[in-house]
C-alpha atoms as a PDB file:
ATOM      1  CA  MET A   1     117.592 143.734 192.224  1.00  0.00           C
ATOM      2  CA  ILE A   2     119.524 147.022 192.321  1.00  0.00           C
ATOM      3  CA  LYS A   3     117.192 149.963 191.775  1.00  0.00           C
ATOM      4  CA  ASP A   4     118.271 152.856 189.566  1.00  0.00           C
ATOM      5  CA  LEU A   5     118.891 156.523 190.357  1.00  0.00           C
ATOM      6  CA  ASN A   6     115.542 157.617 188.964  1.00  0.00           C
ATOM      7  CA  TYR A   7     113.728 155.277 191.358  1.00  0.00           C
ATOM      8  CA  TYR A   8     115.532 156.654 194.403  1.00  0.00           C
ATOM      9  CA  ILE A   9     115.014 160.305 193.445  1.00  0.00           C
ATOM     10  CA  THR A  10     111.297 159.648 192.918  1.00  0.00           C
ATOM     11  CA  SER A  11     111.043 157.746 196.201  1.00  0.00           C
ATOM     12  CA  PHE A  12     113.026 160.419 198.066  1.00  0.00           C
ATOM     13  CA  PHE A  13     110.737 163.261 197.011  1.00  0.00           C
ATOM     14  CA  GLY A  14     107.486 161.379 196.627  1.00  0.00           C
ATOM     15  CA  ASP A  15     107.475 159.348 199.836  1.00  0.00           C
ATOM     16  CA  TYR A  16     110.477 159.755 202.138  1.00  0.00           C
ATOM     17  CA  LEU A  17     110.544 163.531 202.628  1.00  0.00           C
ATOM     18  CA  PRO A  18     106.786 164.230 202.912  1.00  0.00           C
ATOM     19  CA  HIS A  19     105.559 161.012 204.538  1.00  0.00           C
ATOM     20  CA  ILE A  20     108.455 159.351 206.407  1.00  0.00           C
ATOM     21  CA  LEU A  21     110.339 162.446 207.618  1.00  0.00           C
ATOM     22  CA  GLY A  22     107.337 164.774 207.419  1.00  0.00           C
ATOM     23  CA  VAL A  23     109.458 167.787 206.468  1.00  0.00           C
ATOM     24  CA  SER A  24     107.839 171.075 205.527  1.00  0.00           C
ATOM     25  CA  LYS A  25     106.751 172.042 202.031  1.00  0.00           C
ATOM     26  CA  ASN A  26     109.448 174.715 201.925  1.00  0.00           C
ATOM     27  CA  THR A  27     112.190 172.168 202.700  1.00  0.00           C
ATOM     28  CA  ILE A  28     110.958 169.864 199.934  1.00  0.00           C
ATOM     29  CA  LEU A  29     110.904 172.760 197.476  1.00  0.00           C
ATOM     30  CA  SER A  30     114.418 173.787 198.499  1.00  0.00           C
ATOM     31  CA  TYR A  31     115.702 170.222 197.990  1.00  0.00           C
ATOM     32  CA  ARG A  32     113.873 170.043 194.661  1.00  0.00           C
ATOM     33  CA  ASP A  33     115.549 173.243 193.486  1.00  0.00           C
ATOM     34  CA  THR A  34     118.938 171.766 194.390  1.00  0.00           C
ATOM     35  CA  PHE A  35     118.337 168.691 192.242  1.00  0.00           C
ATOM     36  CA  VAL A  36     116.996 170.750 189.342  1.00  0.00           C
ATOM     37  CA  LEU A  37     120.199 172.809 189.438  1.00  0.00           C
ATOM     38  CA  PHE A  38     122.371 169.722 189.810  1.00  0.00           C
ATOM     39  CA  LEU A  39     120.784 167.819 186.927  1.00  0.00           C
ATOM     40  CA  ASP A  40     120.965 170.902 184.726  1.00  0.00           C
ATOM     41  CA  TYR A  41     124.652 171.268 185.647  1.00  0.00           C
ATOM     42  CA  LEU A  42     125.374 167.633 184.738  1.00  0.00           C
ATOM     43  CA  GLU A  43     123.729 168.020 181.357  1.00  0.00           C
ATOM     44  CA  LYS A  44     125.244 171.380 180.387  1.00  0.00           C
ATOM     45  CA  ASN A  45     128.647 171.273 182.068  1.00  0.00           C
ATOM     46  CA  LYS A  46     129.452 167.562 182.197  1.00  0.00           C
ATOM     47  CA  LYS A  47     127.629 166.574 178.982  1.00  0.00           C
ATOM     48  CA  ILE A  48     125.782 163.753 180.748  1.00  0.00           C
ATOM     49  CA  ASN A  49     122.467 162.745 179.224  1.00  0.00           C
ATOM     50  CA  ILE A  50     119.939 163.058 182.063  1.00  0.00           C
ATOM     51  CA  LYS A  51     117.709 160.359 180.530  1.00  0.00           C
ATOM     52  CA  GLU A  52     120.581 157.894 180.889  1.00  0.00           C
ATOM     53  CA  LEU A  53     121.862 159.157 184.250  1.00  0.00           C
ATOM     54  CA  LYS A  54     123.103 156.445 186.630  1.00  0.00           C
ATOM     55  CA  PHE A  55     124.762 156.335 190.035  1.00  0.00           C
ATOM     56  CA  GLU A  56     128.004 155.495 188.221  1.00  0.00           C
ATOM     57  CA  ASN A  57     127.947 158.987 186.685  1.00  0.00           C
ATOM     58  CA  ILE A  58     128.118 160.624 190.107  1.00  0.00           C
ATOM     59  CA  ASN A  59     131.131 160.752 192.408  1.00  0.00           C
ATOM     60  CA  TYR A  60     132.977 162.907 194.926  1.00  0.00           C
ATOM     61  CA  SER A  61     134.607 165.075 192.231  1.00  0.00           C
ATOM     62  CA  ILE A  62     131.334 165.699 190.396  1.00  0.00           C
ATOM     63  CA  ILE A  63     129.696 166.995 193.581  1.00  0.00           C
ATOM     64  CA  THR A  64     132.640 169.212 194.567  1.00  0.00           C
ATOM     65  CA  ASP A  65     132.760 170.612 191.019  1.00  0.00           C
ATOM     66  CA  PHE A  66     129.049 171.401 191.277  1.00  0.00           C
ATOM     67  CA  LEU A  67     129.594 173.242 194.566  1.00  0.00           C
ATOM     68  CA  LEU A  68     132.393 175.288 193.003  1.00  0.00           C
ATOM     69  CA  TYR A  69     130.108 176.063 190.059  1.00  0.00           C
ATOM     70  CA  LEU A  70     127.487 177.411 192.472  1.00  0.00           C
ATOM     71  CA  GLU A  71     130.015 179.742 194.089  1.00  0.00           C
ATOM     72  CA  ASN A  72     132.046 180.828 191.064  1.00  0.00           C
ATOM     73  CA  ASP A  73     129.577 180.806 188.180  1.00  0.00           C
ATOM     74  CA  ARG A  74     126.223 181.405 189.874  1.00  0.00           C
ATOM     75  CA  LYS A  75     127.819 183.657 192.533  1.00  0.00           C
ATOM     76  CA  ASN A  76     125.912 181.917 195.321  1.00  0.00           C
ATOM     77  CA  SER A  77     126.835 182.713 198.900  1.00  0.00           C
ATOM     78  CA  ILE A  78     128.582 180.159 201.112  1.00  0.00           C
ATOM     79  CA  SER A  79     125.323 179.795 203.013  1.00  0.00           C
ATOM     80  CA  THR A  80     123.454 178.874 199.820  1.00  0.00           C
ATOM     81  CA  ARG A  81     126.257 176.508 198.817  1.00  0.00           C
ATOM     82  CA  ASN A  82     125.950 174.752 202.159  1.00  0.00           C
ATOM     83  CA  GLN A  83     122.147 174.504 201.815  1.00  0.00           C
ATOM     84  CA  ARG A  84     122.587 172.772 198.440  1.00  0.00           C
ATOM     85  CA  LEU A  85     125.115 170.377 199.962  1.00  0.00           C
ATOM     86  CA  ALA A  86     122.720 169.619 202.834  1.00  0.00           C
ATOM     87  CA  ALA A  87     120.090 168.526 200.292  1.00  0.00           C
ATOM     88  CA  ILE A  88     122.613 166.295 198.507  1.00  0.00           C
ATOM     89  CA  HIS A  89     123.726 164.809 201.833  1.00  0.00           C
ATOM     90  CA  ALA A  90     120.123 164.065 202.788  1.00  0.00           C
ATOM     91  CA  PHE A  91     119.565 162.182 199.535  1.00  0.00           C
ATOM     92  CA  PHE A  92     122.710 160.061 199.751  1.00  0.00           C
ATOM     93  CA  LYS A  93     122.044 159.229 203.419  1.00  0.00           C
ATOM     94  CA  PHE A  94     118.653 158.009 202.228  1.00  0.00           C
ATOM     95  CA  VAL A  95     120.238 155.853 199.485  1.00  0.00           C
ATOM     96  CA  GLN A  96     123.034 154.541 201.727  1.00  0.00           C
ATOM     97  CA  LYS A  97     120.566 152.900 204.124  1.00  0.00           C
ATOM     98  CA  ARG A  98     118.683 151.211 201.286  1.00  0.00           C
ATOM     99  CA  GLU A  99     121.275 150.103 198.746  1.00  0.00           C
ATOM    100  CA  LEU A 100     124.473 148.518 200.110  1.00  0.00           C
ATOM    101  CA  SER A 101     126.048 148.323 196.673  1.00  0.00           C
ATOM    102  CA  TYR A 102     126.308 152.145 196.700  1.00  0.00           C
ATOM    103  CA  TYR A 103     127.498 152.381 200.300  1.00  0.00           C
ATOM    104  CA  ASP A 104     131.045 153.504 199.412  1.00  0.00           C
ATOM    105  CA  LEU A 105     129.807 156.058 196.890  1.00  0.00           C
ATOM    106  CA  CYS A 106     127.420 157.523 199.452  1.00  0.00           C
ATOM    107  CA  SER A 107     130.135 157.592 202.125  1.00  0.00           C
ATOM    108  CA  SER A 108     132.516 159.525 199.868  1.00  0.00           C
ATOM    109  CA  ILE A 109     129.848 162.136 199.063  1.00  0.00           C
ATOM    110  CA  LEU A 110     128.797 162.391 202.716  1.00  0.00           C
ATOM    111  CA  SER A 111     132.453 163.130 203.571  1.00  0.00           C
ATOM    112  CA  ILE A 112     132.239 166.451 201.674  1.00  0.00           C
ATOM    113  CA  THR A 113     132.285 169.067 204.411  1.00  0.00           C
ATOM    114  CA  PHE A 114     130.297 172.247 204.764  1.00  0.00           C
ATOM    115  CA  LYS A 115     132.252 175.395 204.108  1.00  0.00           C
ATOM    116  CA  LYS A 116     132.805 177.758 206.991  1.00  0.00           C
ATOM    117  CA  ALA A 117     131.166 181.105 206.348  1.00  0.00           C
ATOM    118  CA  PRO A 118     131.883 184.415 208.067  1.00  0.00           C
ATOM    119  CA  GLN A 119     129.213 185.334 210.606  1.00  0.00           C
ATOM    120  CA  ASP A 120     126.818 187.804 209.036  1.00  0.00           C
ATOM    121  CA  THR A 121     125.958 190.966 210.913  1.00  0.00           C
ATOM    122  CA  ILE A 122     122.390 190.837 212.159  1.00  0.00           C
ATOM    123  CA  SER A 123     120.410 193.724 210.701  1.00  0.00           C
ATOM    124  CA  TYR A 124     117.510 195.116 212.690  1.00  0.00           C
ATOM    125  CA  PHE A 125     115.507 198.289 213.224  1.00  0.00           C
ATOM    126  CA  SER A 126     115.827 200.382 216.342  1.00  0.00           C
ATOM    127  CA  LYS A 127     112.566 201.013 218.188  1.00  0.00           C
ATOM    128  CA  ASN A 128     112.438 204.527 216.777  1.00  0.00           C
ATOM    129  CA  GLU A 129     113.066 203.306 213.223  1.00  0.00           C
ATOM    130  CA  LEU A 130     110.352 200.703 213.610  1.00  0.00           C
ATOM    131  CA  GLU A 131     107.806 203.330 214.699  1.00  0.00           C
ATOM    132  CA  ILE A 132     108.675 205.358 211.605  1.00  0.00           C
ATOM    133  CA  LEU A 133     108.401 202.351 209.280  1.00  0.00           C
ATOM    134  CA  ILE A 134     105.014 201.184 210.599  1.00  0.00           C
ATOM    135  CA  LYS A 135     103.496 204.636 210.028  1.00  0.00           C
ATOM    136  CA  LEU A 136     104.533 204.867 206.362  1.00  0.00           C
ATOM    137  CA  PRO A 137     101.789 202.781 204.649  1.00  0.00           C
ATOM    138  CA  ASN A 138      98.720 204.759 203.581  1.00  0.00           C
ATOM    139  CA  ILE A 139      96.032 202.841 205.494  1.00  0.00           C
ATOM    140  CA  SER A 140      93.233 204.702 203.689  1.00  0.00           C
ATOM    141  CA  LYS A 141      94.057 202.593 200.610  1.00  0.00           C
ATOM    142  CA  LYS A 142      93.462 198.854 200.349  1.00  0.00           C
ATOM    143  CA  ASP A 143      97.077 197.941 199.531  1.00  0.00           C
ATOM    144  CA  GLY A 144      98.387 200.375 202.139  1.00  0.00           C
ATOM    145  CA  PHE A 145      96.221 198.832 204.855  1.00  0.00           C
ATOM    146  CA  ARG A 146      97.422 195.358 203.841  1.00  0.00           C
ATOM    147  CA  ASP A 147     101.044 196.534 204.044  1.00  0.00           C
ATOM    148  CA  TYR A 148     100.434 198.099 207.457  1.00  0.00           C
ATOM    149  CA  VAL A 149      98.879 194.897 208.842  1.00  0.00           C
ATOM    150  CA  LEU A 150     101.627 192.809 207.224  1.00  0.00           C
ATOM    151  CA  LEU A 151     104.501 194.801 208.780  1.00  0.00           C
ATOM    152  CA  LEU A 152     102.806 194.910 212.174  1.00  0.00           C
ATOM    153  CA  THR A 153     102.096 191.161 212.138  1.00  0.00           C
ATOM    154  CA  MET A 154     105.638 190.302 211.062  1.00  0.00           C
ATOM    155  CA  TYR A 155     107.096 192.348 213.899  1.00  0.00           C
ATOM    156  CA  GLU A 156     104.745 191.309 216.707  1.00  0.00           C
ATOM    157  CA  THR A 157     104.954 187.598 215.915  1.00  0.00           C
ATOM    158  CA  ALA A 158     108.638 187.623 214.861  1.00  0.00           C
ATOM    159  CA  GLY A 159     107.502 185.162 212.213  1.00  0.00           C
ATOM    160  CA  ARG A 160     109.764 183.934 209.463  1.00  0.00           C
ATOM    161  CA  VAL A 161     108.889 185.369 206.066  1.00  0.00           C
ATOM    162  CA  SER A 162     107.715 181.951 204.853  1.00  0.00           C
ATOM    163  CA  GLU A 163     105.513 181.544 207.952  1.00  0.00           C
ATOM    164  CA  ILE A 164     103.824 184.881 207.295  1.00  0.00           C
ATOM    165  CA  ALA A 165     103.303 184.128 203.592  1.00  0.00           C
ATOM    166  CA  ASP A 166     101.561 180.841 204.489  1.00  0.00           C
ATOM    167  CA  LEU A 167      99.401 182.378 207.228  1.00  0.00           C
ATOM    168  CA  THR A 168      95.646 181.653 206.951  1.00  0.00           C
ATOM    169  CA  ARG A 169      92.652 183.125 208.738  1.00  0.00           C
ATOM    170  CA  LYS A 170      92.110 180.019 210.894  1.00  0.00           C
ATOM    171  CA  GLN A 171      95.584 180.432 212.407  1.00  0.00           C
ATOM    172  CA  ILE A 172      94.410 183.615 214.140  1.00  0.00           C
ATOM    173  CA  THR A 173      92.604 183.182 217.463  1.00  0.00           C
ATOM    174  CA  ILE A 174      91.013 186.303 218.932  1.00  0.00           C
ATOM    175  CA  ASN A 175      89.600 186.081 222.463  1.00  0.00           C
ATOM    176  CA  LYS A 176      88.597 188.684 225.007  1.00  0.00           C
ATOM    177  CA  ASP A 177      91.345 187.728 227.452  1.00  0.00           C
ATOM    178  CA  CYS A 178      94.051 186.341 225.172  1.00  0.00           C
ATOM    179  CA  SER A 179      94.659 186.425 221.437  1.00  0.00           C
ATOM    180  CA  PHE A 180      97.369 184.560 219.559  1.00  0.00           C
ATOM    181  CA  ILE A 181      98.572 183.432 216.155  1.00  0.00           C
ATOM    182  CA  THR A 182      99.600 179.842 215.478  1.00  0.00           C
ATOM    183  CA  LEU A 183     102.669 179.808 213.252  1.00  0.00           C
ATOM    184  CA  HIS A 184     103.638 176.734 211.268  1.00  0.00           C
ATOM    185  CA  GLY A 185     107.425 176.702 211.312  1.00  0.00           C
ATOM    186  CA  LYS A 186     110.449 174.595 210.456  1.00  0.00           C
ATOM    187  CA  GLY A 187     110.167 170.854 210.897  1.00  0.00           C
ATOM    188  CA  ASN A 188     106.365 171.075 210.686  1.00  0.00           C
ATOM    189  CA  LYS A 189     106.327 172.453 214.223  1.00  0.00           C
ATOM    190  CA  ASN A 190     103.562 174.773 215.406  1.00  0.00           C
ATOM    191  CA  ARG A 191     103.990 177.474 217.999  1.00  0.00           C
ATOM    192  CA  GLN A 192     101.424 179.830 219.470  1.00  0.00           C
ATOM    193  CA  VAL A 193     102.533 183.451 219.590  1.00  0.00           C
ATOM    194  CA  PRO A 194     100.534 185.845 221.785  1.00  0.00           C
ATOM    195  CA  ILE A 195      99.589 189.169 220.201  1.00  0.00           C
ATOM    196  CA  SER A 196      98.555 192.489 221.681  1.00  0.00           C
ATOM    197  CA  LYS A 197      94.947 193.634 221.872  1.00  0.00           C
ATOM    198  CA  ASN A 198      95.856 196.377 219.411  1.00  0.00           C
ATOM    199  CA  LEU A 199      97.025 193.897 216.770  1.00  0.00           C
ATOM    200  CA  ALA A 200      94.067 191.586 217.501  1.00  0.00           C
ATOM    201  CA  ASP A 201      91.619 194.450 216.849  1.00  0.00           C
ATOM    202  CA  ILE A 202      93.443 195.445 213.668  1.00  0.00           C
ATOM    203  CA  LEU A 203      93.500 191.857 212.374  1.00  0.00           C
ATOM    204  CA  LYS A 204      89.789 191.440 213.081  1.00  0.00           C
ATOM    205  CA  LYS A 205      88.999 194.594 211.136  1.00  0.00           C
ATOM    206  CA  TYR A 206      91.303 193.498 208.314  1.00  0.00           C
ATOM    207  CA  CYS A 207      89.742 190.020 208.048  1.00  0.00           C
ATOM    208  CA  ASP A 208      86.200 191.400 208.268  1.00  0.00           C
ATOM    209  CA  ASN A 209      86.877 193.960 205.548  1.00  0.00           C
ATOM    210  CA  LEU A 210      88.191 191.279 203.190  1.00  0.00           C
ATOM    211  CA  LEU A 211      85.516 188.747 204.198  1.00  0.00           C
ATOM    212  CA  LEU A 212      88.212 186.130 204.773  1.00  0.00           C
ATOM    213  CA  SER A 213      87.095 182.574 205.533  1.00  0.00           C
ATOM    214  CA  ASP A 214      89.168 180.169 207.627  1.00  0.00           C
ATOM    215  CA  ASP A 215      91.083 178.656 204.713  1.00  0.00           C
ATOM    216  CA  ASN A 216      91.830 181.991 203.027  1.00  0.00           C
ATOM    217  CA  TYR A 217      95.403 183.231 203.133  1.00  0.00           C
ATOM    218  CA  LEU A 218      95.799 186.358 205.212  1.00  0.00           C
ATOM    219  CA  PHE A 219      97.863 188.301 202.698  1.00  0.00           C
ATOM    220  CA  TYR A 220      97.342 188.441 198.949  1.00  0.00           C
ATOM    221  CA  SER A 221      99.179 190.078 196.053  1.00  0.00           C
ATOM    222  CA  LYS A 222      97.573 192.667 193.820  1.00  0.00           C
ATOM    223  CA  PHE A 223      96.757 189.757 191.465  1.00  0.00           C
ATOM    224  CA  LYS A 224      94.607 188.215 194.222  1.00  0.00           C
ATOM    225  CA  GLU A 225      97.031 185.325 194.693  1.00  0.00           C
ATOM    226  CA  GLN A 226      98.777 184.205 197.874  1.00  0.00           C
ATOM    227  CA  ILE A 227     101.595 186.614 198.616  1.00  0.00           C
ATOM    228  CA  THR A 228     105.071 185.170 198.091  1.00  0.00           C
ATOM    229  CA  THR A 229     108.200 185.653 200.167  1.00  0.00           C
ATOM    230  CA  LYS A 230     109.574 187.760 197.313  1.00  0.00           C
ATOM    231  CA  GLY A 231     106.433 189.872 197.442  1.00  0.00           C
ATOM    232  CA  ILE A 232     106.871 190.453 201.164  1.00  0.00           C
ATOM    233  CA  ASN A 233     110.512 191.416 200.659  1.00  0.00           C
ATOM    234  CA  TYR A 234     109.475 193.840 197.920  1.00  0.00           C
ATOM    235  CA  ILE A 235     106.958 195.537 200.229  1.00  0.00           C
ATOM    236  CA  LEU A 236     109.501 195.825 203.041  1.00  0.00           C
ATOM    237  CA  ASP A 237     112.197 197.194 200.731  1.00  0.00           C
ATOM    238  CA  LYS A 238     109.723 199.733 199.352  1.00  0.00           C
ATOM    239  CA  TYR A 239     109.065 201.251 202.764  1.00  0.00           C
ATOM    240  CA  VAL A 240     112.698 201.109 203.839  1.00  0.00           C
ATOM    241  CA  ASP A 241     113.645 203.084 200.700  1.00  0.00           C
ATOM    242  CA  LYS A 242     110.883 205.591 201.444  1.00  0.00           C
ATOM    243  CA  ALA A 243     112.025 205.942 205.043  1.00  0.00           C
ATOM    244  CA  ARG A 244     115.609 206.584 203.939  1.00  0.00           C
ATOM    245  CA  GLN A 245     114.455 209.421 201.715  1.00  0.00           C
ATOM    246  CA  ILE A 246     112.610 211.068 204.607  1.00  0.00           C
ATOM    247  CA  TYR A 247     115.232 210.291 207.276  1.00  0.00           C
ATOM    248  CA  PRO A 248     118.646 210.131 205.546  1.00  0.00           C
ATOM    249  CA  ASP A 249     120.442 209.780 208.901  1.00  0.00           C
ATOM    250  CA  LYS A 250     118.495 206.633 209.812  1.00  0.00           C
ATOM    251  CA  PHE A 251     118.001 203.172 208.297  1.00  0.00           C
ATOM    252  CA  VAL A 252     121.701 202.877 207.520  1.00  0.00           C
ATOM    253  CA  GLN A 253     121.988 199.078 207.781  1.00  0.00           C
ATOM    254  CA  HIS A 254     121.549 196.519 205.034  1.00  0.00           C
ATOM    255  CA  TYR A 255     118.235 194.922 205.943  1.00  0.00           C
ATOM    256  CA  SER A 256     117.679 191.233 205.310  1.00  0.00           C
ATOM    257  CA  SER A 257     114.363 189.513 204.664  1.00  0.00           C
ATOM    258  CA  HIS A 258     114.158 188.575 208.353  1.00  0.00           C
ATOM    259  CA  CYS A 259     114.983 192.014 209.783  1.00  0.00           C
ATOM    260  CA  LEU A 260     111.564 192.461 211.443  1.00  0.00           C
ATOM    261  CA  ARG A 261     112.012 189.076 213.133  1.00  0.00           C
ATOM    262  CA  HIS A 262     115.510 190.133 214.215  1.00  0.00           C
ATOM    263  CA  SER A 263     114.144 193.465 215.447  1.00  0.00           C
ATOM    264  CA  LYS A 264     111.577 191.812 217.707  1.00  0.00           C
ATOM    265  CA  ALA A 265     114.220 189.517 219.198  1.00  0.00           C
ATOM    266  CA  MET A 266     116.587 192.430 219.822  1.00  0.00           C
ATOM    267  CA  HIS A 267     113.885 194.569 221.431  1.00  0.00           C
ATOM    268  CA  LEU A 268     112.844 191.715 223.739  1.00  0.00           C
ATOM    269  CA  LEU A 269     116.475 191.368 224.799  1.00  0.00           C
ATOM    270  CA  GLU A 270     116.767 195.092 225.465  1.00  0.00           C
ATOM    271  CA  ASP A 271     113.634 194.871 227.622  1.00  0.00           C
ATOM    272  CA  GLY A 272     115.280 192.188 229.753  1.00  0.00           C
ATOM    273  CA  VAL A 273     113.307 189.147 228.557  1.00  0.00           C
ATOM    274  CA  ASN A 274     115.058 185.852 229.337  1.00  0.00           C
ATOM    275  CA  LEU A 275     116.774 184.126 226.394  1.00  0.00           C
ATOM    276  CA  ILE A 276     114.856 180.909 227.080  1.00  0.00           C
ATOM    277  CA  TYR A 277     111.539 182.682 226.477  1.00  0.00           C
ATOM    278  CA  ILE A 278     112.906 184.375 223.363  1.00  0.00           C
ATOM    279  CA  ARG A 279     114.104 180.998 222.056  1.00  0.00           C
ATOM    280  CA  ASP A 280     110.598 179.536 222.410  1.00  0.00           C
ATOM    281  CA  PHE A 281     109.011 182.690 220.993  1.00  0.00           C
ATOM    282  CA  LEU A 282     111.185 182.505 217.873  1.00  0.00           C
ATOM    283  CA  GLY A 283     110.797 178.737 217.508  1.00  0.00           C
ATOM    284  CA  HIS A 284     114.511 177.985 217.790  1.00  0.00           C
ATOM    285  CA  THR A 285     115.465 174.413 218.651  1.00  0.00           C
ATOM    286  CA  SER A 286     118.699 175.470 220.340  1.00  0.00           C
ATOM    287  CA  ILE A 287     119.458 178.280 222.778  1.00  0.00           C
ATOM    288  CA  GLU A 288     122.792 178.737 220.969  1.00  0.00           C
ATOM    289  CA  THR A 289     120.934 180.096 217.948  1.00  0.00           C
ATOM    290  CA  THR A 290     119.155 182.644 220.129  1.00  0.00           C
ATOM    291  CA  GLU A 291     122.402 183.674 221.851  1.00  0.00           C
ATOM    292  CA  ILE A 292     123.557 185.197 218.571  1.00  0.00           C
ATOM    293  CA  TYR A 293     121.184 188.110 219.241  1.00  0.00           C
ATOM    294  CA  ALA A 294     122.704 188.774 222.661  1.00  0.00           C
ATOM    295  CA  LYS A 295     126.210 188.805 221.178  1.00  0.00           C
ATOM    296  CA  ALA A 296     125.201 191.194 218.394  1.00  0.00           C
ATOM    297  CA  ASN A 297     123.195 193.709 220.447  1.00  0.00           C
ATOM    298  CA  PRO A 298     125.303 196.694 221.630  1.00  0.00           C
ATOM    299  CA  VAL A 299     122.626 197.808 224.128  1.00  0.00           C
ATOM    300  CA  VAL A 300     122.652 194.433 225.854  1.00  0.00           C
ATOM    301  CA  LYS A 301     126.454 194.379 225.864  1.00  0.00           C
ATOM    302  CA  GLU A 302     126.570 197.814 227.492  1.00  0.00           C
ATOM    303  CA  GLN A 303     124.009 196.769 230.105  1.00  0.00           C
ATOM    304  CA  GLU A 304     126.050 193.693 231.009  1.00  0.00           C
ATOM    305  CA  ILE A 305     129.288 195.687 231.208  1.00  0.00           C
ATOM    306  CA  LEU A 306     127.700 198.299 233.496  1.00  0.00           C
ATOM    307  CA  LYS A 307     126.108 195.580 235.625  1.00  0.00           C
ATOM    308  CA  HIS A 308     129.436 193.910 236.286  1.00  0.00           C
ATOM    309  CA  SER A 309     131.729 196.947 236.189  1.00  0.00           C
ATOM    310  CA  LYS A 310     131.897 197.211 239.985  1.00  0.00           C
ATOM    311  CA  ALA A 311     133.432 193.773 240.126  1.00  0.00           C
ATOM    312  CA  ILE A 312     136.267 194.921 237.912  1.00  0.00           C
ATOM    313  CA  ASP A 313     139.190 196.437 239.818  1.00  0.00           C
ATOM    314  CA  ALA A 314     141.082 198.629 237.379  1.00  0.00           C
ATOM    315  CA  LYS A 315     143.858 199.373 239.903  1.00  0.00           C
ATOM    316  CA  THR A 316     147.060 197.445 239.401  1.00  0.00           C
ATOM    317  CA  LYS A 317     147.784 194.684 241.877  1.00  0.00           C
ATOM    318  CA  TYR A 318     151.427 194.519 240.949  1.00  0.00           C
ATOM    319  CA  THR A 319     154.227 196.354 242.761  1.00  0.00           C
ATOM    320  CA  PRO A 320     156.968 197.902 240.601  1.00  0.00           C
ATOM    321  CA  LYS A 321     159.263 194.997 241.619  1.00  0.00           C
ATOM    322  CA  THR A 322     156.646 192.409 240.634  1.00  0.00           C
ATOM    323  CA  GLN A 323     156.163 194.119 237.298  1.00  0.00           C
ATOM    324  CA  GLU A 324     159.892 194.028 236.579  1.00  0.00           C
ATOM    325  CA  ASP A 325     160.064 190.348 237.480  1.00  0.00           C
ATOM    326  CA  LEU A 326     157.071 189.573 235.241  1.00  0.00           C
ATOM    327  CA  ILE A 327     158.509 191.451 232.260  1.00  0.00           C
ATOM    328  CA  SER A 328     161.844 189.736 232.743  1.00  0.00           C
ATOM    329  CA  PHE A 329     160.125 186.348 232.866  1.00  0.00           C
ATOM    330  CA  LEU A 330     158.237 187.005 229.643  1.00  0.00           C
ATOM    331  CA  LYS A 331     161.338 188.260 227.795  1.00  0.00           C
ATOM    332  CA  ASN A 332     163.364 185.224 228.785  1.00  0.00           C
ATOM    333  CA  TYR A 333     160.559 182.681 228.330  1.00  0.00           C
ATOM    334  CA  GLU A 334     161.514 181.734 224.770  1.00  0.00           C
ATOM    335  CA  LYS A 335     165.216 181.367 225.696  1.00  0.00           C
ATOM    336  CA  LYS A 336     164.395 178.953 228.540  1.00  0.00           C
ATOM    337  CA  ASN A 337     162.053 176.868 226.440  1.00  0.00           C
END
C-alpha cells in the first residue's frame, strides 16, 4: 500500500531525523521551518488545499518556484535559499528509499542544484577592539555581569551562538589544573574546549551568585527564560553600537552573529597556532572550512609573504634579446594557431 505525503512528513520529523539520523534539535527546527514556509507557499501562492495535499501536487517546477519566491518575495539570501533546499533534498532522499513509486519524482527534485553564492567577508574584532568590547558591560549590575560573562565565554570557547544559548551548568568543568567547557555542536557532536583560569574563576563566581544547578541554563533573559540566539545577537549589537560611539575610528566592519567565534579563530592564527588544532577547537569536520580564516586574515598573509620573500628573486632572468623573442612569440601566437 502506497503511503501518503502526510505519513512521510510525520515519519520524517517524528522518527527519522531525531532517532535514525540523530540530528540536533536546531537542525530539526530549521527543517521544520522550511516545511512550514513551503506548505504556506503552496496554499497561498499555488492555491493548493493543504488538507488534500498529495505527492502528485509537488514537482520540479513547484520547488524551483518556491526557491525563487524565497529570494524575490521574502528577500532571503542565497545561503538561506540553499539551506531550505537542503531540507527539501533531505526529505525526498528519505522518501526515495522507501517508496519506489515516487522514485522519479524524488530524482527530479534532487536534481535541483544549490545556487552558488559569493564568498562573504569574514567579520572579526581585532585584539584591541575585543579588549574594548569586553570592558563595556557594567559588571556592578546583574545584567551587565551576565553580558560580560557571555561575551567572554563566547570568545574564549569560540562557540557557535546556538551552542552558547544551550549551555548548561553541568557542561562547565572547573578543576585546579585544567578547566574546560563541553560544547554540544553540529551533528550532536561534543567537544571539550579548555578555558583559562581567569574565565574559570569568573564562571564559578557567576554560577555561585545565581545559585545555578547542573541542569540550569547558563544564560537567561530578563524574563528569566533561556536566552535565545536573537537575544545574544541583541546584546552583542548593543555593545558594538556603544563602542562605535566611543571609538568612531574603530569597529568599522559589519559584524555577524558569529564574529566572536571568527575573532578567536583569527587571533589563534595570528599567534601561529596550527590549522589542524584550530579545526578541532572550532569543531569543523573539514580542514577546508578552517582554511577560510587563513585566506581572509591580512596579518597571516603578510607573515607568509615575509617568510617566503627571500625565495623570490625580483631581478629579471631574461636578457634583452630573450625578451624580444618572447614578445614576438606572444604577438604571433594567435596567427600561428
